[in-house]
Amino acid sequence: MELKELVERRREPLLKTLGESIRIPSVREEDESGYP
């Protein structure tokens, strides 16, 4: 079973929505350095 892949695929959109909902300069800088 590919449970890890399912969790990772569910995490990506969650992190994206969290980053979009929380629009803070400091967090935005971390997103730019954290995301490829």
Protein backbone atom coordinates (compact mmCIF):
# COMPACT_ATOMS: atom_id res chain seq x y z
CA MET A 1 0.00 0.00 0.00
CA GLU A 2 1.23 3.52 -0.83
CA LEU A 3 0.04 5.28 2.29
CA LYS A 4 3.00 7.66 2.42
CA GLU A 5 2.25 8.94 -1.08
CA LEU A 6 -1.40 9.54 -0.17
CA VAL A 7 -0.41 11.49 2.95
CA GLU A 8 2.15 13.55 1.04
CA ARG A 9 -0.35 14.33 -1.73
CA ARG A 10 -2.89 15.43 0.88
CA ARG A 11 -0.30 17.50 2.72
CA GLU A 12 0.80 19.55 -0.29
CA PRO A 13 -2.60 21.18 -0.94
CA LEU A 14 -3.10 21.68 2.80
CA LEU A 15 0.22 23.51 3.13
CA LYS A 16 -0.60 25.58 0.05
CA THR A 17 -3.99 26.64 1.44
CA LEU A 18 -2.40 27.42 4.80
CA GLY A 19 0.27 29.57 3.16
CA GLU A 20 -2.34 31.39 1.08
CA SER A 21 -4.69 31.94 4.03
CA ILE A 22 -1.83 33.23 6.19
CA ARG A 23 -0.36 36.12 4.21
CA ILE A 24 2.51 37.41 6.35
CA PRO A 25 5.78 38.85 4.93
CA SER A 26 7.91 36.65 7.19
CA VAL A 27 5.94 33.52 6.28
CA ARG A 28 6.06 34.45 2.60
CA GLU A 29 9.86 34.58 2.72
CA GLU A 30 9.95 31.12 4.30
CA ASP A 31 7.65 29.79 1.56
CA GLU A 32 9.96 31.11 -1.16
CA SER A 33 12.99 29.45 0.43
CA GLY A 34 11.10 26.28 1.43
CA TYR A 35 9.31 25.60 -1.85
CA PRO A 36 11.36 24.77 -4.96
